[in-house]
């Protein structure tokens, strides 16, 4: 079965501008400004973006930032470590919510 997500579709991202050019332009300005060097350098921001892409399970961003990281000279080991940080934080959040079940059980007990 073919994948629902096709890498080539990433090139179609800009088509959304046809429906509301003003909002798309504002988004792109926000995006570009956010990714510029500031307190964090562009390399670090690319690693963060890759890790977030995995955490939210967004295949187009995974493709895009895996490529951007590679182009920026970021090693597979660095990318893997960033992705593992995102995974452990997401997993920790799942475990931390155990207290919600404990609260429910306490109320019933």
PDB file of N, CA and C in Angstrom:
ATOM      1  N   UNK A   1       0.843  -1.175   0.000  1.00  0.00           N
ATOM      2  CA  UNK A   1       0.000   0.000   0.000  1.00  0.00           C
ATOM      3  C   UNK A   1       0.888   1.238   0.000  1.00  0.00           C
ATOM      4  N   UNK A   2       0.584   2.210  -0.833  1.00  0.00           N
ATOM      5  CA  UNK A   2       1.384   3.430  -0.850  1.00  0.00           C
ATOM      6  C   UNK A   2       1.162   4.246   0.431  1.00  0.00           C
ATOM      7  N   UNK A   3       2.155   5.038   0.741  1.00  0.00           N
ATOM      8  CA  UNK A   3       2.090   5.865   1.933  1.00  0.00           C
ATOM      9  C   UNK A   3       1.124   7.022   1.725  1.00  0.00           C
ATOM     10  N   UNK A   4       0.470   7.420   2.808  1.00  0.00           N
ATOM     11  CA  UNK A   4      -0.404   8.579   2.770  1.00  0.00           C
ATOM     12  C   UNK A   4       0.420   9.845   2.564  1.00  0.00           C
ATOM     13  N   UNK A   5       1.608   9.867   3.158  1.00  0.00           N
ATOM     14  CA  UNK A   5       2.517  11.005   3.039  1.00  0.00           C
ATOM     15  C   UNK A   5       3.525  10.730   1.939  1.00  0.00           C
ATOM     16  N   UNK A   6       3.616  11.639   0.997  1.00  0.00           N
ATOM     17  CA  UNK A   6       4.535  11.506  -0.124  1.00  0.00           C
ATOM     18  C   UNK A   6       5.535  12.652  -0.029  1.00  0.00           C
ATOM     19  N   UNK A   7       6.828  12.323   0.022  1.00  0.00           N
ATOM     20  CA  UNK A   7       7.867  13.342   0.191  1.00  0.00           C
ATOM     21  C   UNK A   7       7.748  14.477  -0.816  1.00  0.00           C
ATOM     22  N   UNK A   8       7.358  14.154  -2.008  1.00  0.00           N
ATOM     23  CA  UNK A   8       7.251  15.162  -3.053  1.00  0.00           C
ATOM     24  C   UNK A   8       6.192  16.225  -2.723  1.00  0.00           C
ATOM     25  N   UNK A   9       5.235  15.874  -1.873  1.00  0.00           N
ATOM     26  CA  UNK A   9       4.198  16.837  -1.506  1.00  0.00           C
ATOM     27  C   UNK A   9       4.743  18.012  -0.706  1.00  0.00           C
ATOM     28  N   UNK A  10       5.890  17.834  -0.071  1.00  0.00           N
ATOM     29  CA  UNK A  10       6.484  18.924   0.690  1.00  0.00           C
ATOM     30  C   UNK A  10       6.709  20.150  -0.194  1.00  0.00           C
ATOM     31  N   UNK A  11       7.017  19.922  -1.441  1.00  0.00           N
ATOM     32  CA  UNK A  11       7.241  21.030  -2.385  1.00  0.00           C
ATOM     33  C   UNK A  11       5.954  21.810  -2.654  1.00  0.00           C
ATOM     34  N   UNK A  12       4.814  21.255  -2.276  1.00  0.00           N
ATOM     35  CA  UNK A  12       3.523  21.908  -2.519  1.00  0.00           C
ATOM     36  C   UNK A  12       3.082  22.784  -1.341  1.00  0.00           C
ATOM     37  N   UNK A  13       3.913  22.886  -0.335  1.00  0.00           N
ATOM     38  CA  UNK A  13       3.587  23.631   0.881  1.00  0.00           C
ATOM     39  C   UNK A  13       3.059  25.032   0.565  1.00  0.00           C
ATOM     40  N   UNK A  14       3.697  25.696  -0.359  1.00  0.00           N
ATOM     41  CA  UNK A  14       3.338  27.064  -0.707  1.00  0.00           C
ATOM     42  C   UNK A  14       1.987  27.222  -1.370  1.00  0.00           C
ATOM     43  N   UNK A  15       1.379  26.136  -1.799  1.00  0.00           N
ATOM     44  CA  UNK A  15       0.070  26.234  -2.450  1.00  0.00           C
ATOM     45  C   UNK A  15      -0.986  26.817  -1.519  1.00  0.00           C
ATOM     46  N   UNK A  16      -0.771  26.717  -0.233  1.00  0.00           N
ATOM     47  CA  UNK A  16      -1.730  27.277   0.705  1.00  0.00           C
ATOM     48  C   UNK A  16      -1.822  28.794   0.546  1.00  0.00           C
ATOM     49  N   UNK A  17      -0.773  29.395   0.049  1.00  0.00           N
ATOM     50  CA  UNK A  17      -0.764  30.849  -0.156  1.00  0.00           C
ATOM     51  C   UNK A  17      -1.857  31.285  -1.123  1.00  0.00           C
ATOM     52  N   UNK A  18      -2.287  30.389  -1.991  1.00  0.00           N
ATOM     53  CA  UNK A  18      -3.335  30.736  -2.956  1.00  0.00           C
ATOM     54  C   UNK A  18      -4.664  31.013  -2.261  1.00  0.00           C
ATOM     55  N   UNK A  19      -4.901  30.392  -1.133  1.00  0.00           N
ATOM     56  CA  UNK A  19      -6.193  30.548  -0.469  1.00  0.00           C
ATOM     57  C   UNK A  19      -6.247  31.797   0.403  1.00  0.00           C
ATOM     58  N   UNK A  20      -5.124  32.167   0.989  1.00  0.00           N
ATOM     59  CA  UNK A  20      -5.075  33.371   1.822  1.00  0.00           C
ATOM     60  C   UNK A  20      -3.644  33.883   1.841  1.00  0.00           C
ATOM     61  N   UNK A  21      -3.261  34.609   0.807  1.00  0.00           N
ATOM     62  CA  UNK A  21      -1.868  35.063   0.676  1.00  0.00           C
ATOM     63  C   UNK A  21      -1.379  35.870   1.879  1.00  0.00           C
ATOM     64  N   UNK A  22      -2.219  36.702   2.442  1.00  0.00           N
ATOM     65  CA  UNK A  22      -1.807  37.549   3.565  1.00  0.00           C
ATOM     66  C   UNK A  22      -1.409  36.709   4.776  1.00  0.00           C
ATOM     67  N   UNK A  23      -2.257  35.757   5.143  1.00  0.00           N
ATOM     68  CA  UNK A  23      -1.943  34.919   6.302  1.00  0.00           C
ATOM     69  C   UNK A  23      -0.729  34.030   6.043  1.00  0.00           C
ATOM     70  N   UNK A  24      -0.617  33.514   4.823  1.00  0.00           N
ATOM     71  CA  UNK A  24       0.542  32.695   4.493  1.00  0.00           C
ATOM     72  C   UNK A  24       1.820  33.513   4.581  1.00  0.00           C
ATOM     73  N   UNK A  25       1.771  34.747   4.080  1.00  0.00           N
ATOM     74  CA  UNK A  25       2.930  35.634   4.143  1.00  0.00           C
ATOM     75  C   UNK A  25       3.310  35.927   5.595  1.00  0.00           C
ATOM     76  N   UNK A  26       2.317  36.189   6.425  1.00  0.00           N
ATOM     77  CA  UNK A  26       2.591  36.433   7.845  1.00  0.00           C
ATOM     78  C   UNK A  26       3.223  35.209   8.504  1.00  0.00           C
ATOM     79  N   UNK A  27       2.704  34.023   8.180  1.00  0.00           N
ATOM     80  CA  UNK A  27       3.284  32.801   8.722  1.00  0.00           C
ATOM     81  C   UNK A  27       4.738  32.666   8.285  1.00  0.00           C
ATOM     82  N   UNK A  28       5.009  32.881   7.002  1.00  0.00           N
ATOM     83  CA  UNK A  28       6.368  32.724   6.494  1.00  0.00           C
ATOM     84  C   UNK A  28       7.327  33.729   7.134  1.00  0.00           C
ATOM     85  N   UNK A  29       6.872  34.954   7.356  1.00  0.00           N
ATOM     86  CA  UNK A  29       7.718  35.948   8.032  1.00  0.00           C
ATOM     87  C   UNK A  29       8.006  35.504   9.462  1.00  0.00           C
ATOM     88  N   UNK A  30       6.992  35.015  10.149  1.00  0.00           N
ATOM     89  CA  UNK A  30       7.162  34.512  11.518  1.00  0.00           C
ATOM     90  C   UNK A  30       8.142  33.346  11.534  1.00  0.00           C
ATOM     91  N   UNK A  31       7.938  32.408  10.610  1.00  0.00           N
ATOM     92  CA  UNK A  31       8.812  31.238  10.507  1.00  0.00           C
ATOM     93  C   UNK A  31      10.264  31.661  10.255  1.00  0.00           C
ATOM     94  N   UNK A  32      10.471  32.489   9.244  1.00  0.00           N
ATOM     95  CA  UNK A  32      11.829  32.893   8.879  1.00  0.00           C
ATOM     96  C   UNK A  32      12.513  33.645  10.007  1.00  0.00           C
ATOM     97  N   UNK A  33      11.785  34.523  10.664  1.00  0.00           N
ATOM     98  CA  UNK A  33      12.349  35.283  11.775  1.00  0.00           C
ATOM     99  C   UNK A  33      12.690  34.357  12.942  1.00  0.00           C
ATOM    100  N   UNK A  34      11.806  33.413  13.210  1.00  0.00           N
ATOM    101  CA  UNK A  34      12.043  32.475  14.314  1.00  0.00           C
ATOM    102  C   UNK A  34      13.267  31.600  14.076  1.00  0.00           C
ATOM    103  N   UNK A  35      13.559  31.288  12.831  1.00  0.00           N
ATOM    104  CA  UNK A  35      14.663  30.382  12.518  1.00  0.00           C
ATOM    105  C   UNK A  35      16.006  31.096  12.338  1.00  0.00           C
ATOM    106  N   UNK A  36      15.992  32.449  12.364  1.00  0.00           N
ATOM    107  CA  UNK A  36      17.243  33.199  12.265  1.00  0.00           C
ATOM    108  C   UNK A  36      18.040  33.084  13.561  1.00  0.00           C
ATOM    109  N   UNK A  37      19.336  33.324  13.443  1.00  0.00           N
ATOM    110  CA  UNK A  37      20.184  33.355  14.630  1.00  0.00           C
ATOM    111  C   UNK A  37      19.694  34.444  15.567  1.00  0.00           C
ATOM    112  N   UNK A  38      19.579  34.072  16.813  1.00  0.00           N
ATOM    113  CA  UNK A  38      19.199  34.993  17.882  1.00  0.00           C
ATOM    114  C   UNK A  38      19.978  34.551  19.106  1.00  0.00           C
ATOM    115  N   UNK A  39      19.298  34.309  20.206  1.00  0.00           N
ATOM    116  CA  UNK A  39      19.965  33.745  21.381  1.00  0.00           C
ATOM    117  C   UNK A  39      20.472  32.339  21.074  1.00  0.00           C
ATOM    118  N   UNK A  40      19.784  31.659  20.147  1.00  0.00           N
ATOM    119  CA  UNK A  40      20.224  30.340  19.669  1.00  0.00           C
ATOM    120  C   UNK A  40      20.710  30.473  18.229  1.00  0.00           C
ATOM    121  N   UNK A  41      21.727  29.685  17.884  1.00  0.00           N
ATOM    122  CA  UNK A  41      22.195  29.720  16.499  1.00  0.00           C
ATOM    123  C   UNK A  41      21.274  28.876  15.610  1.00  0.00           C
ATOM    124  N   UNK A  42      21.404  29.061  14.298  1.00  0.00           N
ATOM    125  CA  UNK A  42      20.538  28.371  13.340  1.00  0.00           C
ATOM    126  C   UNK A  42      20.696  26.853  13.411  1.00  0.00           C
ATOM    127  N   UNK A  43      21.890  26.387  13.692  1.00  0.00           N
ATOM    128  CA  UNK A  43      22.154  24.951  13.797  1.00  0.00           C
ATOM    129  C   UNK A  43      21.336  24.347  14.938  1.00  0.00           C
ATOM    130  N   UNK A  44      21.356  25.003  16.084  1.00  0.00           N
ATOM    131  CA  UNK A  44      20.603  24.525  17.242  1.00  0.00           C
ATOM    132  C   UNK A  44      19.111  24.538  16.936  1.00  0.00           C
ATOM    133  N   UNK A  45      18.649  25.571  16.267  1.00  0.00           N
ATOM    134  CA  UNK A  45      17.230  25.659  15.928  1.00  0.00           C
ATOM    135  C   UNK A  45      16.811  24.536  14.986  1.00  0.00           C
ATOM    136  N   UNK A  46      17.691  24.150  14.072  1.00  0.00           N
ATOM    137  CA  UNK A  46      17.385  23.029  13.177  1.00  0.00           C
ATOM    138  C   UNK A  46      17.258  21.724  13.967  1.00  0.00           C
ATOM    139  N   UNK A  47      18.137  21.526  14.935  1.00  0.00           N
ATOM    140  CA  UNK A  47      18.041  20.323  15.776  1.00  0.00           C
ATOM    141  C   UNK A  47      16.756  20.322  16.601  1.00  0.00           C
ATOM    142  N   UNK A  48      16.401  21.479  17.147  1.00  0.00           N
ATOM    143  CA  UNK A  48      15.143  21.577  17.898  1.00  0.00           C
ATOM    144  C   UNK A  48      13.970  21.259  16.977  1.00  0.00           C
ATOM    145  N   UNK A  49      13.975  21.832  15.785  1.00  0.00           N
ATOM    146  CA  UNK A  49      12.888  21.602  14.831  1.00  0.00           C
ATOM    147  C   UNK A  49      12.779  20.117  14.488  1.00  0.00           C
ATOM    148  N   UNK A  50      13.904  19.461  14.286  1.00  0.00           N
ATOM    149  CA  UNK A  50      13.884  18.029  13.987  1.00  0.00           C
ATOM    150  C   UNK A  50      13.279  17.255  15.155  1.00  0.00           C
ATOM    151  N   UNK A  51      13.719  17.561  16.362  1.00  0.00           N
ATOM    152  CA  UNK A  51      13.211  16.854  17.539  1.00  0.00           C
ATOM    153  C   UNK A  51      11.714  17.080  17.708  1.00  0.00           C
ATOM    154  N   UNK A  52      11.266  18.310  17.516  1.00  0.00           N
ATOM    155  CA  UNK A  52       9.831  18.608  17.631  1.00  0.00           C
ATOM    156  C   UNK A  52       9.055  17.881  16.539  1.00  0.00           C
ATOM    157  N   UNK A  53       9.600  17.844  15.329  1.00  0.00           N
ATOM    158  CA  UNK A  53       8.933  17.144  14.227  1.00  0.00           C
ATOM    159  C   UNK A  53       8.683  15.680  14.581  1.00  0.00           C
ATOM    160  N   UNK A  54       9.662  15.053  15.205  1.00  0.00           N
ATOM    161  CA  UNK A  54       9.466  13.672  15.658  1.00  0.00           C
ATOM    162  C   UNK A  54       8.458  13.603  16.790  1.00  0.00           C
ATOM    163  N   UNK A  55       8.527  14.532  17.734  1.00  0.00           N
ATOM    164  CA  UNK A  55       7.621  14.501  18.889  1.00  0.00           C
ATOM    165  C   UNK A  55       6.163  14.657  18.463  1.00  0.00           C
ATOM    166  N   UNK A  56       5.913  15.491  17.445  1.00  0.00           N
ATOM    167  CA  UNK A  56       4.538  15.675  16.981  1.00  0.00           C
ATOM    168  C   UNK A  56       4.213  14.741  15.812  1.00  0.00           C
ATOM    169  N   UNK A  57       5.172  13.933  15.424  1.00  0.00           N
ATOM    170  CA  UNK A  57       5.026  12.925  14.368  1.00  0.00           C
ATOM    171  C   UNK A  57       4.538  13.537  13.055  1.00  0.00           C
ATOM    172  N   UNK A  58       5.267  14.560  12.613  1.00  0.00           N
ATOM    173  CA  UNK A  58       4.938  15.287  11.390  1.00  0.00           C
ATOM    174  C   UNK A  58       5.928  14.897  10.294  1.00  0.00           C
ATOM    175  N   UNK A  59       5.535  13.960   9.403  1.00  0.00           N
ATOM    176  CA  UNK A  59       6.478  13.418   8.423  1.00  0.00           C
ATOM    177  C   UNK A  59       7.103  14.437   7.482  1.00  0.00           C
ATOM    178  N   UNK A  60       6.333  15.454   7.075  1.00  0.00           N
ATOM    179  CA  UNK A  60       6.913  16.446   6.175  1.00  0.00           C
ATOM    180  C   UNK A  60       8.022  17.233   6.868  1.00  0.00           C
ATOM    181  N   UNK A  61       7.806  17.576   8.125  1.00  0.00           N
ATOM    182  CA  UNK A  61       8.845  18.297   8.883  1.00  0.00           C
ATOM    183  C   UNK A  61      10.030  17.380   9.184  1.00  0.00           C
ATOM    184  N   UNK A  62       9.768  16.105   9.416  1.00  0.00           N
ATOM    185  CA  UNK A  62      10.872  15.162   9.625  1.00  0.00           C
ATOM    186  C   UNK A  62      11.749  15.140   8.375  1.00  0.00           C
ATOM    187  N   UNK A  63      11.125  15.010   7.206  1.00  0.00           N
ATOM    188  CA  UNK A  63      11.887  15.026   5.948  1.00  0.00           C
ATOM    189  C   UNK A  63      12.649  16.341   5.792  1.00  0.00           C
ATOM    190  N   UNK A  64      11.942  17.439   5.998  1.00  0.00           N
ATOM    191  CA  UNK A  64      12.526  18.752   5.786  1.00  0.00           C
ATOM    192  C   UNK A  64      13.703  19.006   6.727  1.00  0.00           C
ATOM    193  N   UNK A  65      13.527  18.700   8.010  1.00  0.00           N
ATOM    194  CA  UNK A  65      14.591  19.009   8.965  1.00  0.00           C
ATOM    195  C   UNK A  65      15.693  17.966   8.993  1.00  0.00           C
ATOM    196  N   UNK A  66      15.422  16.740   8.598  1.00  0.00           N
ATOM    197  CA  UNK A  66      16.512  15.772   8.432  1.00  0.00           C
ATOM    198  C   UNK A  66      17.431  16.271   7.318  1.00  0.00           C
ATOM    199  N   UNK A  67      16.822  16.773   6.259  1.00  0.00           N
ATOM    200  CA  UNK A  67      17.597  17.325   5.143  1.00  0.00           C
ATOM    201  C   UNK A  67      18.340  18.595   5.567  1.00  0.00           C
ATOM    202  N   UNK A  68      17.642  19.510   6.251  1.00  0.00           N
ATOM    203  CA  UNK A  68      18.272  20.766   6.683  1.00  0.00           C
ATOM    204  C   UNK A  68      19.427  20.510   7.647  1.00  0.00           C
ATOM    205  N   UNK A  69      19.240  19.558   8.548  1.00  0.00           N
ATOM    206  CA  UNK A  69      20.314  19.218   9.494  1.00  0.00           C
ATOM    207  C   UNK A  69      21.520  18.640   8.766  1.00  0.00           C
ATOM    208  N   UNK A  70      21.258  17.747   7.820  1.00  0.00           N
ATOM    209  CA  UNK A  70      22.347  17.154   7.042  1.00  0.00           C
ATOM    210  C   UNK A  70      23.093  18.241   6.280  1.00  0.00           C
ATOM    211  N   UNK A  71      22.343  19.140   5.642  1.00  0.00           N
ATOM    212  CA  UNK A  71      22.970  20.240   4.896  1.00  0.00           C
ATOM    213  C   UNK A  71      23.784  21.156   5.805  1.00  0.00           C
ATOM    214  N   UNK A  72      23.384  21.267   7.066  1.00  0.00           N
ATOM    215  CA  UNK A  72      24.101  22.126   8.018  1.00  0.00           C
ATOM    216  C   UNK A  72      25.294  21.412   8.660  1.00  0.00           C
ATOM    217  N   UNK A  73      25.565  20.182   8.216  1.00  0.00           N
ATOM    218  CA  UNK A  73      26.703  19.447   8.746  1.00  0.00           C
ATOM    219  C   UNK A  73      26.446  18.779  10.087  1.00  0.00           C
ATOM    220  N   UNK A  74      25.192  18.651  10.458  1.00  0.00           N
ATOM    221  CA  UNK A  74      24.836  17.992  11.714  1.00  0.00           C
ATOM    222  C   UNK A  74      24.911  16.486  11.488  1.00  0.00           C
ATOM    223  N   UNK A  75      25.595  15.814  12.372  1.00  0.00           N
ATOM    224  CA  UNK A  75      25.826  14.379  12.189  1.00  0.00           C
ATOM    225  C   UNK A  75      24.587  13.563  12.537  1.00  0.00           C
ATOM    226  N   UNK A  76      24.505  12.352  11.982  1.00  0.00           N
ATOM    227  CA  UNK A  76      23.405  11.459  12.361  1.00  0.00           C
ATOM    228  C   UNK A  76      23.370  11.201  13.873  1.00  0.00           C
ATOM    229  N   UNK A  77      24.551  11.156  14.496  1.00  0.00           N
ATOM    230  CA  UNK A  77      24.603  10.932  15.947  1.00  0.00           C
ATOM    231  C   UNK A  77      23.968  12.101  16.705  1.00  0.00           C
ATOM    232  N   UNK A  78      24.242  13.328  16.250  1.00  0.00           N
ATOM    233  CA  UNK A  78      23.635  14.504  16.889  1.00  0.00           C
ATOM    234  C   UNK A  78      22.121  14.515  16.681  1.00  0.00           C
ATOM    235  N   UNK A  79      21.692  14.193  15.460  1.00  0.00           N
ATOM    236  CA  UNK A  79      20.254  14.154  15.176  1.00  0.00           C
ATOM    237  C   UNK A  79      19.577  13.087  16.029  1.00  0.00           C
ATOM    238  N   UNK A  80      20.199  11.921  16.108  1.00  0.00           N
ATOM    239  CA  UNK A  80      19.635  10.829  16.907  1.00  0.00           C
ATOM    240  C   UNK A  80      19.513  11.222  18.370  1.00  0.00           C
ATOM    241  N   UNK A  81      20.516  11.898  18.887  1.00  0.00           N
ATOM    242  CA  UNK A  81      20.480  12.321  20.284  1.00  0.00           C
ATOM    243  C   UNK A  81      19.357  13.336  20.515  1.00  0.00           C
ATOM    244  N   UNK A  82      19.192  14.276  19.601  1.00  0.00           N
ATOM    245  CA  UNK A  82      18.114  15.261  19.730  1.00  0.00           C
ATOM    246  C   UNK A  82      16.748  14.580  19.679  1.00  0.00           C
ATOM    247  N   UNK A  83      16.596  13.622  18.784  1.00  0.00           N
ATOM    248  CA  UNK A  83      15.331  12.889  18.671  1.00  0.00           C
ATOM    249  C   UNK A  83      15.077  12.076  19.940  1.00  0.00           C
ATOM    250  N   UNK A  84      16.118  11.485  20.505  1.00  0.00           N
ATOM    251  CA  UNK A  84      15.951  10.741  21.750  1.00  0.00           C
ATOM    252  C   UNK A  84      15.552  11.646  22.912  1.00  0.00           C
ATOM    253  N   UNK A  85      16.071  12.861  22.939  1.00  0.00           N
ATOM    254  CA  UNK A  85      15.655  13.812  23.981  1.00  0.00           C
ATOM    255  C   UNK A  85      14.160  14.083  23.842  1.00  0.00           C
ATOM    256  N   UNK A  86      13.698  14.333  22.617  1.00  0.00           N
ATOM    257  CA  UNK A  86      12.272  14.583  22.400  1.00  0.00           C
ATOM    258  C   UNK A  86      11.441  13.368  22.821  1.00  0.00           C
ATOM    259  N   UNK A  87      11.913  12.188  22.478  1.00  0.00           N
ATOM    260  CA  UNK A  87      11.173  10.965  22.814  1.00  0.00           C
ATOM    261  C   UNK A  87      11.090  10.748  24.318  1.00  0.00           C
ATOM    262  N   UNK A  88      12.183  10.974  25.023  1.00  0.00           N
ATOM    263  CA  UNK A  88      12.176  10.743  26.465  1.00  0.00           C
ATOM    264  C   UNK A  88      11.310  11.784  27.184  1.00  0.00           C
ATOM    265  N   UNK A  89      11.305  13.026  26.688  1.00  0.00           N
ATOM    266  CA  UNK A  89      10.454  14.049  27.286  1.00  0.00           C
ATOM    267  C   UNK A  89       8.986  13.716  27.029  1.00  0.00           C
ATOM    268  N   UNK A  90       8.681  13.289  25.822  1.00  0.00           N
ATOM    269  CA  UNK A  90       7.290  12.898  25.517  1.00  0.00           C
ATOM    270  C   UNK A  90       6.887  11.686  26.352  1.00  0.00           C
ATOM    271  N   UNK A  91       7.774  10.718  26.441  1.00  0.00           N
ATOM    272  CA  UNK A  91       7.485   9.542  27.262  1.00  0.00           C
ATOM    273  C   UNK A  91       7.337   9.889  28.732  1.00  0.00           C
ATOM    274  N   UNK A  92       8.180  10.791  29.205  1.00  0.00           N
ATOM    275  CA  UNK A  92       8.098  11.225  30.595  1.00  0.00           C
ATOM    276  C   UNK A  92       6.779  11.910  30.889  1.00  0.00           C
ATOM    277  N   UNK A  93       6.294  12.662  29.926  1.00  0.00           N
ATOM    278  CA  UNK A  93       5.001  13.311  30.084  1.00  0.00           C
ATOM    279  C   UNK A  93       3.874  12.298  30.223  1.00  0.00           C
ATOM    280  N   UNK A  94       3.971  11.224  29.467  1.00  0.00           N
ATOM    281  CA  UNK A  94       2.973  10.164  29.577  1.00  0.00           C
ATOM    282  C   UNK A  94       3.014   9.558  30.977  1.00  0.00           C
ATOM    283  N   UNK A  95       4.208   9.242  31.440  1.00  0.00           N
ATOM    284  CA  UNK A  95       4.358   8.632  32.762  1.00  0.00           C
ATOM    285  C   UNK A  95       3.928   9.604  33.864  1.00  0.00           C
ATOM    286  N   UNK A  96       4.274  10.870  33.718  1.00  0.00           N
ATOM    287  CA  UNK A  96       3.927  11.864  34.739  1.00  0.00           C
ATOM    288  C   UNK A  96       2.418  11.998  34.911  1.00  0.00           C
ATOM    289  N   UNK A  97       1.668  11.724  33.875  1.00  0.00           N
ATOM    290  CA  UNK A  97       0.213  11.826  33.980  1.00  0.00           C
ATOM    291  C   UNK A  97      -0.409  10.654  34.741  1.00  0.00           C
ATOM    292  N   UNK A  98       0.388   9.719  35.195  1.00  0.00           N
ATOM    293  CA  UNK A  98      -0.103   8.635  36.044  1.00  0.00           C
ATOM    294  C   UNK A  98      -0.810   9.209  37.261  1.00  0.00           C
ATOM    295  N   UNK A  99      -0.342  10.358  37.727  1.00  0.00           N
ATOM    296  CA  UNK A  99      -0.947  10.984  38.900  1.00  0.00           C
ATOM    297  C   UNK A  99      -2.435  11.264  38.661  1.00  0.00           C
ATOM    298  N   UNK A 100      -2.835  11.493  37.419  1.00  0.00           N
ATOM    299  CA  UNK A 100      -4.261  11.692  37.124  1.00  0.00           C
ATOM    300  C   UNK A 100      -5.058  10.437  37.461  1.00  0.00           C
ATOM    301  N   UNK A 101      -4.516   9.277  37.095  1.00  0.00           N
ATOM    302  CA  UNK A 101      -5.185   8.024  37.449  1.00  0.00           C
ATOM    303  C   UNK A 101      -5.207   7.836  38.958  1.00  0.00           C
ATOM    304  N   UNK A 102      -4.110   8.187  39.609  1.00  0.00           N
ATOM    305  CA  UNK A 102      -4.051   8.074  41.081  1.00  0.00           C
ATOM    306  C   UNK A 102      -5.113   8.954  41.726  1.00  0.00           C
ATOM    307  N   UNK A 103      -5.280  10.175  41.231  1.00  0.00           N
ATOM    308  CA  UNK A 103      -6.306  11.072  41.760  1.00  0.00           C
ATOM    309  C   UNK A 103      -7.704  10.480  41.601  1.00  0.00           C
ATOM    310  N   UNK A 104      -7.961   9.894  40.432  1.00  0.00           N
ATOM    311  CA  UNK A 104      -9.257   9.261  40.195  1.00  0.00           C
ATOM    312  C   UNK A 104      -9.487   8.096  41.151  1.00  0.00           C
ATOM    313  N   UNK A 105      -8.465   7.269  41.305  1.00  0.00           N
ATOM    314  CA  UNK A 105      -8.595   6.124  42.219  1.00  0.00           C
ATOM    315  C   UNK A 105      -8.789   6.589  43.651  1.00  0.00           C
ATOM    316  N   UNK A 106      -8.082   7.647  44.050  1.00  0.00           N
ATOM    317  CA  UNK A 106      -8.232   8.190  45.407  1.00  0.00           C
ATOM    318  C   UNK A 106      -9.667   8.688  45.647  1.00  0.00           C
ATOM    319  N   UNK A 107     -10.239   9.342  44.627  1.00  0.00           N
ATOM    320  CA  UNK A 107     -11.601   9.849  44.785  1.00  0.00           C
ATOM    321  C   UNK A 107     -12.604   8.701  44.904  1.00  0.00           C
ATOM    322  N   UNK A 108     -12.331   7.611  44.229  1.00  0.00           N
ATOM    323  CA  UNK A 108     -13.244   6.454  44.255  1.00  0.00           C
ATOM    324  C   UNK A 108     -13.043   5.601  45.503  1.00  0.00           C
ATOM    325  N   UNK A 109     -11.869   5.703  46.102  1.00  0.00           N
ATOM    326  CA  UNK A 109     -11.529   4.834  47.235  1.00  0.00           C
ATOM    327  C   UNK A 109     -12.002   5.366  48.493  1.00  0.00           C
TER     328      UNK A 109
END
